[in-house]
C-alpha atoms as a PDB file:
ATOM      1  CA  MET A   1      -0.202   0.104   0.038  1.00  0.00           C
ATOM      2  CA  ARG A   2       2.465   2.309   1.013  1.00  0.00           C
ATOM      3  CA  ASN A   3       4.689   1.848  -2.168  1.00  0.00           C
ATOM      4  CA  ASN A   4       1.629   2.347  -4.102  1.00  0.00           C
ATOM      5  CA  LEU A   5       1.189   6.081  -2.723  1.00  0.00           C
ATOM      6  CA  LEU A   6       4.756   7.001  -3.381  1.00  0.00           C
ATOM      7  CA  ALA A   7       4.631   5.746  -6.740  1.00  0.00           C
ATOM      8  CA  ALA A   8       1.457   7.556  -7.168  1.00  0.00           C
ATOM      9  CA  LEU A   9       2.924  10.698  -5.582  1.00  0.00           C
ATOM     10  CA  CYS A  10       5.702  10.059  -8.032  1.00  0.00           C
ATOM     11  CA  LEU A  11       4.012   9.716 -11.146  1.00  0.00           C
ATOM     12  CA  GLY A  12       2.111  13.215  -9.787  1.00  0.00           C
ATOM     13  CA  LEU A  13       5.188  15.301  -9.395  1.00  0.00           C
ATOM     14  CA  CYS A  14       6.325  14.559 -12.676  1.00  0.00           C
ATOM     15  CA  PHE A  15       3.280  15.074 -14.772  1.00  0.00           C
ATOM     16  CA  VAL A  16       2.650  18.677 -13.059  1.00  0.00           C
ATOM     17  CA  ALA A  17       6.855  19.127 -13.651  1.00  0.00           C
ATOM     18  CA  GLY A  18       5.883  18.101 -16.929  1.00  0.00           C
ATOM     19  CA  THR A  19       2.779  20.656 -17.220  1.00  0.00           C
ATOM     20  CA  VAL A  20       5.440  23.512 -16.177  1.00  0.00           C
ATOM     21  CA  ILE A  21       8.096  22.565 -18.606  1.00  0.00           C
ATOM     22  CA  LEU A  22       5.414  22.679 -21.359  1.00  0.00           C
ATOM     23  CA  GLY A  23       3.515  25.637 -20.259  1.00  0.00           C
ATOM     24  CA  ARG A  24       6.914  27.487 -20.681  1.00  0.00           C
ATOM     25  CA  THR A  25       8.213  25.951 -23.939  1.00  0.00           C
ATOM     26  CA  TRP A  26       4.560  27.080 -25.152  1.00  0.00           C
ATOM     27  CA  ARG A  27       4.952  30.339 -24.107  1.00  0.00           C
ATOM     28  CA  GLY A  28       8.589  30.865 -25.321  1.00  0.00           C
ATOM     29  CA  ASN A  29       7.805  29.798 -28.389  1.00  0.00           C
ATOM     30  CA  VAL A  30       4.588  32.276 -28.685  1.00  0.00           C
ATOM     31  CA  GLU A  31       7.013  34.648 -27.864  1.00  0.00           C
ATOM     32  CA  ILE A  32       9.244  33.877 -30.852  1.00  0.00           C
ATOM     33  CA  ALA A  33       6.431  33.701 -33.055  1.00  0.00           C
ATOM     34  CA  GLN A  34       5.479  36.866 -31.924  1.00  0.00           C
ATOM     35  CA  THR A  35       6.875  38.944 -34.567  1.00  0.00           C
ATOM     36  CA  LEU A  36       6.690  41.957 -36.937  1.00  0.00           C
ATOM     37  CA  GLN A  37       7.964  42.026 -40.862  1.00  0.00           C
ATOM     38  CA  VAL A  38       8.512  44.847 -42.527  1.00  0.00           C
ATOM     39  CA  THR A  39       9.763  46.054 -46.226  1.00  0.00           C
ATOM     40  CA  GLY A  40      12.090  49.467 -46.183  1.00  0.00           C
ATOM     41  CA  SER A  41      12.909  51.316 -48.855  1.00  0.00           C
ATOM     42  CA  ALA A  42      15.432  54.522 -49.957  1.00  0.00           C
ATOM     43  CA  ARG A  43      15.514  56.266 -53.301  1.00  0.00           C
ATOM     44  CA  MET A  44      18.816  58.403 -54.118  1.00  0.00           C
ATOM     45  CA  ASP A  45      19.561  60.747 -56.727  1.00  0.00           C
ATOM     46  CA  LEU A  46      22.693  60.431 -58.802  1.00  0.00           C
ATOM     47  CA  VAL A  47      24.430  62.055 -61.709  1.00  0.00           C
ATOM     48  CA  SER A  48      27.338  59.781 -63.688  1.00  0.00           C
ATOM     49  CA  ASP A  49      30.322  61.235 -63.463  1.00  0.00           C
ATOM     50  CA  LEU A  50      32.834  59.130 -65.985  1.00  0.00           C
ATOM     51  CA  GLY A  51      31.811  58.847 -69.629  1.00  0.00           C
ATOM     52  CA  HIS A  52      33.189  56.055 -71.865  1.00  0.00           C
ATOM     53  CA  LEU A  53      32.157  56.170 -75.620  1.00  0.00           C
ATOM     54  CA  ARG A  54      33.683  53.429 -77.541  1.00  0.00           C
ATOM     55  CA  TYR A  55      33.612  53.778 -81.767  1.00  0.00           C
ATOM     56  CA  SER A  56      35.422  51.487 -84.546  1.00  0.00           C
ATOM     57  CA  VAL A  57      36.545  53.127 -88.033  1.00  0.00           C
ATOM     58  CA  THR A  58      36.988  50.567 -90.779  1.00  0.00           C
ATOM     59  CA  GLY A  59      39.112  50.626 -93.898  1.00  0.00           C
ATOM     60  CA  ARG A  60      38.665  48.716 -97.073  1.00  0.00           C
ATOM     61  CA  GLY A  61      40.605  47.731-100.568  1.00  0.00           C
ATOM     62  CA  ALA A  62      40.825  44.939-103.002  1.00  0.00           C
ATOM     63  CA  THR A  63      43.780  43.761-100.884  1.00  0.00           C
ATOM     64  CA  ALA A  64      44.831  43.661 -96.919  1.00  0.00           C
ATOM     65  CA  GLU A  65      47.358  46.216 -97.532  1.00  0.00           C
ATOM     66  CA  ALA A  66      45.037  48.632 -99.899  1.00  0.00           C
ATOM     67  CA  ALA A  67      42.282  47.999 -96.643  1.00  0.00           C
ATOM     68  CA  TYR A  68      44.913  48.996 -94.246  1.00  0.00           C
ATOM     69  CA  LEU A  69      46.195  52.332 -95.985  1.00  0.00           C
ATOM     70  CA  ASP A  70      42.341  53.071 -96.570  1.00  0.00           C
ATOM     71  CA  LEU A  71      42.280  53.065 -92.686  1.00  0.00           C
ATOM     72  CA  GLN A  72      45.231  54.902 -91.841  1.00  0.00           C
ATOM     73  CA  ARG A  73      43.922  58.006 -94.774  1.00  0.00           C
ATOM     74  CA  GLN A  74      41.055  58.114 -92.090  1.00  0.00           C
ATOM     75  CA  LEU A  75      42.619  58.197 -89.099  1.00  0.00           C
ATOM     76  CA  PRO A  76      44.109  61.618 -89.256  1.00  0.00           C
ATOM     77  CA  VAL A  77      41.100  63.464 -90.243  1.00  0.00           C
ATOM     78  CA  ILE A  78      39.033  61.617 -86.921  1.00  0.00           C
ATOM     79  CA  ASP A  79      42.451  63.043 -84.388  1.00  0.00           C
ATOM     80  CA  GLY A  80      41.887  66.627 -86.087  1.00  0.00           C
ATOM     81  CA  PHE A  81      38.302  66.448 -85.355  1.00  0.00           C
ATOM     82  CA  LEU A  82      39.212  65.036 -81.379  1.00  0.00           C
ATOM     83  CA  ALA A  83      41.314  67.869 -80.958  1.00  0.00           C
ATOM     84  CA  GLY A  84      39.722  70.182 -82.318  1.00  0.00           C
ATOM     85  CA  ALA A  85      37.011  69.122 -79.509  1.00  0.00           C
ATOM     86  CA  ASP A  86      39.760  69.370 -76.890  1.00  0.00           C
ATOM     87  CA  VAL A  87      39.750  65.923 -76.578  1.00  0.00           C
ATOM     88  CA  PRO A  88      43.345  65.253 -75.235  1.00  0.00           C
ATOM     89  CA  ASP A  89      45.695  62.021 -76.583  1.00  0.00           C
ATOM     90  CA  SER A  90      45.633  60.462 -73.414  1.00  0.00           C
ATOM     91  CA  ALA A  91      41.728  60.296 -73.287  1.00  0.00           C
ATOM     92  CA  VAL A  92      41.878  58.022 -76.011  1.00  0.00           C
ATOM     93  CA  GLN A  93      42.689  54.218 -75.784  1.00  0.00           C
ATOM     94  CA  GLU A  94      43.463  52.215 -79.158  1.00  0.00           C
ATOM     95  CA  ASN A  95      42.354  48.331 -79.819  1.00  0.00           C
ATOM     96  CA  PRO A  96      45.056  46.364 -82.023  1.00  0.00           C
ATOM     97  CA  VAL A  97      43.742  46.287 -85.606  1.00  0.00           C
ATOM     98  CA  ASN A  98      41.678  43.538 -87.115  1.00  0.00           C
ATOM     99  CA  THR A  99      41.987  42.539 -91.116  1.00  0.00           C
ATOM    100  CA  TRP A 100      39.710  39.917 -92.570  1.00  0.00           C
ATOM    101  CA  GLY A 101      38.507  38.860 -96.034  1.00  0.00           C
ATOM    102  CA  ILE A 102      34.794  38.923 -97.181  1.00  0.00           C
ATOM    103  CA  GLU A 103      34.460  35.942 -99.106  1.00  0.00           C
ATOM    104  CA  GLU A 104      32.425  35.469-101.938  1.00  0.00           C
ATOM    105  CA  PHE A 105      29.379  32.396-102.448  1.00  0.00           C
ATOM    106  CA  ASP A 106      27.442  30.868-105.220  1.00  0.00           C
ATOM    107  CA  GLN A 107      23.905  30.968-105.296  1.00  0.00           C
ATOM    108  CA  ARG A 108      23.690  27.791-103.569  1.00  0.00           C
ATOM    109  CA  GLY A 109      25.525  29.826-100.438  1.00  0.00           C
ATOM    110  CA  ASN A 110      28.793  27.709-101.354  1.00  0.00           C
ATOM    111  CA  ARG A 111      32.804  28.951-101.296  1.00  0.00           C
ATOM    112  CA  THR A 112      33.841  29.982-104.670  1.00  0.00           C
ATOM    113  CA  GLY A 113      37.540  30.605-103.137  1.00  0.00           C
ATOM    114  CA  ASP A 114      37.387  34.108-104.225  1.00  0.00           C
ATOM    115  CA  VAL A 115      37.664  37.514-101.706  1.00  0.00           C
ATOM    116  CA  LEU A 116      35.251  39.935-102.838  1.00  0.00           C
ATOM    117  CA  GLU A 117      37.174  42.348-100.505  1.00  0.00           C
ATOM    118  CA  TYR A 118      39.229  43.133 -97.390  1.00  0.00           C
ATOM    119  CA  ARG A 119      38.696  45.000 -94.449  1.00  0.00           C
ATOM    120  CA  CYS A 120      40.954  46.404 -91.718  1.00  0.00           C
ATOM    121  CA  GLU A 121      38.785  47.791 -88.416  1.00  0.00           C
ATOM    122  CA  GLN A 122      40.188  49.241 -85.703  1.00  0.00           C
ATOM    123  CA  GLY A 123      38.418  50.167 -82.351  1.00  0.00           C
ATOM    124  CA  PHE A 124      38.877  53.288 -80.018  1.00  0.00           C
ATOM    125  CA  LEU A 125      37.744  54.275 -76.482  1.00  0.00           C
ATOM    126  CA  ILE A 126      36.986  57.884 -74.815  1.00  0.00           C
ATOM    127  CA  GLU A 127      37.143  58.334 -71.576  1.00  0.00           C
ATOM    128  CA  LEU A 128      36.241  61.720 -70.320  1.00  0.00           C
ATOM    129  CA  ARG A 129      35.088  63.037 -66.647  1.00  0.00           C
ATOM    130  CA  ASP A 130      33.201  65.422 -68.623  1.00  0.00           C
ATOM    131  CA  VAL A 131      29.986  62.949 -69.602  1.00  0.00           C
ATOM    132  CA  HIS A 132      28.286  66.019 -71.542  1.00  0.00           C
ATOM    133  CA  ARG A 133      31.185  65.998 -73.899  1.00  0.00           C
ATOM    134  CA  ILE A 134      31.082  62.412 -74.535  1.00  0.00           C
ATOM    135  CA  LYS A 135      27.279  62.619 -75.253  1.00  0.00           C
ATOM    136  CA  ALA A 136      28.185  65.584 -77.696  1.00  0.00           C
ATOM    137  CA  LEU A 137      31.200  63.786 -79.191  1.00  0.00           C
ATOM    138  CA  SER A 138      28.596  60.428 -79.789  1.00  0.00           C
ATOM    139  CA  VAL A 139      26.503  62.565 -81.986  1.00  0.00           C
ATOM    140  CA  ASP A 140      29.085  64.766 -83.883  1.00  0.00           C
ATOM    141  CA  LEU A 141      31.164  61.527 -84.885  1.00  0.00           C
ATOM    142  CA  ALA A 142      28.592  60.561 -86.911  1.00  0.00           C
ATOM    143  CA  GLY A 143      29.202  63.597 -89.058  1.00  0.00           C
ATOM    144  CA  LEU A 144      32.668  62.532 -90.759  1.00  0.00           C
ATOM    145  CA  VAL A 145      31.075  60.241 -92.980  1.00  0.00           C
ATOM    146  CA  THR A 146      30.861  63.595 -95.234  1.00  0.00           C
ATOM    147  CA  GLU A 147      34.678  63.678 -94.619  1.00  0.00           C
ATOM    148  CA  GLY A 148      35.091  59.632 -95.934  1.00  0.00           C
ATOM    149  CA  VAL A 149      35.404  58.372 -92.855  1.00  0.00           C
ATOM    150  CA  ASP A 150      33.600  54.928 -92.181  1.00  0.00           C
ATOM    151  CA  LEU A 151      33.132  55.367 -88.531  1.00  0.00           C
ATOM    152  CA  ARG A 152      30.845  53.201 -85.872  1.00  0.00           C
ATOM    153  CA  ALA A 153      30.066  54.727 -82.424  1.00  0.00           C
ATOM    154  CA  GLN A 154      28.790  52.774 -80.074  1.00  0.00           C
ATOM    155  CA  HIS A 155      25.639  54.573 -77.484  1.00  0.00           C
ATOM    156  CA  PRO A 156      28.215  56.033 -74.916  1.00  0.00           C
ATOM    157  CA  GLN A 157      27.781  54.731 -71.472  1.00  0.00           C
ATOM    158  CA  TYR A 158      27.777  56.710 -68.507  1.00  0.00           C
ATOM    159  CA  LEU A 159      29.597  55.302 -65.088  1.00  0.00           C
ATOM    160  CA  ASP A 160      29.731  56.694 -61.396  1.00  0.00           C
ATOM    161  CA  THR A 161      33.152  56.118 -60.024  1.00  0.00           C
ATOM    162  CA  ASP A 162      31.848  56.416 -56.054  1.00  0.00           C
ATOM    163  CA  LEU A 163      29.091  53.768 -56.912  1.00  0.00           C
ATOM    164  CA  ALA A 164      30.097  51.342 -53.797  1.00  0.00           C
ATOM    165  CA  ALA A 165      29.982  54.148 -51.366  1.00  0.00           C
ATOM    166  CA  ILE A 166      26.458  54.709 -52.927  1.00  0.00           C
ATOM    167  CA  LYS A 167      24.915  51.637 -52.489  1.00  0.00           C
ATOM    168  CA  GLU A 168      26.242  51.516 -48.647  1.00  0.00           C
ATOM    169  CA  GLU A 169      24.387  54.374 -47.835  1.00  0.00           C
ATOM    170  CA  VAL A 170      21.207  54.027 -49.498  1.00  0.00           C
ATOM    171  CA  GLN A 171      20.913  50.303 -48.026  1.00  0.00           C
ATOM    172  CA  ALA A 172      21.818  52.140 -44.547  1.00  0.00           C
ATOM    173  CA  LEU A 173      18.836  54.696 -44.993  1.00  0.00           C
ATOM    174  CA  ALA A 174      16.679  51.333 -46.080  1.00  0.00           C
ATOM    175  CA  ALA A 175      17.304  49.812 -43.402  1.00  0.00           C
ATOM    176  CA  ARG A 176      16.388  52.756 -41.289  1.00  0.00           C
ATOM    177  CA  ASP A 177      13.049  53.401 -43.112  1.00  0.00           C
ATOM    178  CA  ALA A 178      12.230  49.688 -41.864  1.00  0.00           C
ATOM    179  CA  MET A 179      13.144  50.175 -38.810  1.00  0.00           C
ATOM    180  CA  ARG A 180      10.236  53.456 -38.502  1.00  0.00           C
ATOM    181  CA  ARG A 181       7.946  51.433 -40.682  1.00  0.00           C
ATOM    182  CA  ALA A 182       8.249  48.813 -38.347  1.00  0.00           C
ATOM    183  CA  HIS A 183       8.202  51.634 -34.925  1.00  0.00           C
ATOM    184  CA  LYS A 184       4.994  52.805 -36.209  1.00  0.00           C
ATOM    185  CA  VAL A 185       2.918  49.585 -36.941  1.00  0.00           C
ATOM    186  CA  ALA A 186       3.984  48.575 -33.766  1.00  0.00           C
ATOM    187  CA  GLU A 187       2.455  51.260 -32.060  1.00  0.00           C
ATOM    188  CA  ALA A 188      -0.636  51.615 -33.447  1.00  0.00           C
ATOM    189  CA  ALA A 189      -0.629  47.834 -32.595  1.00  0.00           C
ATOM    190  CA  GLY A 190      -0.362  48.862 -28.882  1.00  0.00           C
ATOM    191  CA  ALA A 191       3.038  46.550 -28.810  1.00  0.00           C
ATOM    192  CA  THR A 192       6.199  47.343 -28.514  1.00  0.00           C
ATOM    193  CA  LEU A 193       8.993  47.037 -30.849  1.00  0.00           C
ATOM    194  CA  GLY A 194      11.576  44.053 -29.527  1.00  0.00           C
ATOM    195  CA  PRO A 195      15.004  43.495 -31.244  1.00  0.00           C
ATOM    196  CA  ILE A 196      15.484  42.520 -34.762  1.00  0.00           C
ATOM    197  CA  ARG A 197      15.380  39.263 -35.427  1.00  0.00           C
ATOM    198  CA  GLU A 198      16.177  39.104 -39.270  1.00  0.00           C
ATOM    199  CA  ALA A 199      17.062  41.409 -41.969  1.00  0.00           C
ATOM    200  CA  ARG A 200      17.712  41.212 -45.934  1.00  0.00           C
ATOM    201  CA  MET A 201      19.017  43.123 -48.680  1.00  0.00           C
ATOM    202  CA  GLY A 202      17.022  43.118 -51.597  1.00  0.00           C
ATOM    203  CA  VAL A 203      19.229  43.574 -54.871  1.00  0.00           C
ATOM    204  CA  LEU A 204      19.694  47.478 -56.028  1.00  0.00           C
ATOM    205  CA  GLN A 205      18.224  48.993 -58.787  1.00  0.00           C
ATOM    206  CA  VAL A 206      20.112  51.743 -60.720  1.00  0.00           C
ATOM    207  CA  THR A 207      17.793  53.132 -63.130  1.00  0.00           C
ATOM    208  CA  PRO A 208      17.411  56.271 -65.367  1.00  0.00           C
ATOM    209  CA  ARG A 209      15.870  58.805 -63.070  1.00  0.00           C
ATOM    210  CA  HIS A 210      12.309  58.896 -62.810  1.00  0.00           C
ATOM    211  CA  SER A 211      12.114  55.616 -64.193  1.00  0.00           C
ATOM    212  CA  THR A 212       9.803  52.637 -62.469  1.00  0.00           C
ATOM    213  CA  THR A 213      11.639  49.277 -64.174  1.00  0.00           C
ATOM    214  CA  VAL A 214      12.854  46.931 -61.840  1.00  0.00           C
ATOM    215  CA  SER A 215      14.179  43.694 -62.155  1.00  0.00           C
ATOM    216  CA  ASP A 216      14.475  40.477 -59.688  1.00  0.00           C
ATOM    217  CA  TYR A 217      18.173  40.344 -60.369  1.00  0.00           C
ATOM    218  CA  GLY A 218      19.453  44.319 -60.000  1.00  0.00           C
ATOM    219  CA  ILE A 219      19.799  46.554 -62.996  1.00  0.00           C
ATOM    220  CA  ASN A 220      22.908  49.276 -62.804  1.00  0.00           C
ATOM    221  CA  ASP A 221      22.242  51.516 -66.074  1.00  0.00           C
ATOM    222  CA  THR A 222      24.399  52.868 -67.763  1.00  0.00           C
ATOM    223  CA  SER A 223      22.772  54.833 -70.654  1.00  0.00           C
ATOM    224  CA  ALA A 224      21.643  57.919 -68.940  1.00  0.00           C
ATOM    225  CA  ILE A 225      23.773  60.748 -66.985  1.00  0.00           C
ATOM    226  CA  GLU A 226      21.258  61.444 -64.428  1.00  0.00           C
ATOM    227  CA  LYS A 227      20.437  58.343 -62.575  1.00  0.00           C
ATOM    228  CA  GLN A 228      18.457  56.996 -59.376  1.00  0.00           C
ATOM    229  CA  ILE A 229      19.574  54.315 -57.396  1.00  0.00           C
ATOM    230  CA  THR A 230      16.391  52.027 -55.155  1.00  0.00           C
ATOM    231  CA  ALA A 231      17.410  49.482 -51.979  1.00  0.00           C
ATOM    232  CA  VAL A 232      15.249  47.765 -50.446  1.00  0.00           C
ATOM    233  CA  VAL A 233      15.572  45.972 -47.105  1.00  0.00           C
ATOM    234  CA  HIS A 234      13.489  42.926 -45.391  1.00  0.00           C
ATOM    235  CA  ALA A 235      13.357  42.951 -41.835  1.00  0.00           C
ATOM    236  CA  LYS A 236      12.237  40.906 -38.947  1.00  0.00           C
ATOM    237  CA  PHE A 237      11.492  42.544 -35.784  1.00  0.00           C
ATOM    238  CA  ALA A 238       9.878  40.557 -32.110  1.00  0.00           C
ATOM    239  CA  ILE A 239       6.999  42.529 -30.666  1.00  0.00           C
ATOM    240  CA  GLU A 240       6.474  42.503 -26.979  1.00  0.00           C
END
């Protein structure tokens, strides 16, 4: 009888202890589950401070030598134009010359073994801090066709040399915006905002100013001088 009583007493104590532990665990899980998720964002304007303009010049001829000489004939015309536009020699980078032949094909698409003409091409890159001059050059260079210059210019690229620091700044602003939003939501709900549980940075969108284009992989626009950079932060806070 006495042994049965002790066993029942021990069983009861174990049940009470288990209930207390279970209650505390449940309460802790509930507290952990009480979180608030918000999204903060920030946007900054920026102006590109470095311009790139790539262009190529092509010489043509019945032989490889004639094509090369035709190329060399055109280069002084371009050099004179750039000098008149106050572009220093140090701002122009030259690429190696490429020469190839344009093969002849018959009506069935088979090579005949003959070469219709040879072409000789050289690429150049103009790099200037004056982005507006780069923009003007990209338009004016096309006019050299009237002087017998076979030139093709690519769309200029406008870069931002301090972009890494700007990215850090706009991400910090987005994080502050997330916290501000979380405080407002918690206050409206009559709760107290606790410590941050999780934070995840979204991709950065560098787009032309006033653009609404976004991409899941982020955007790094180089087509516009005036741009905007947008950052998004997804944050989770504990609430009490």
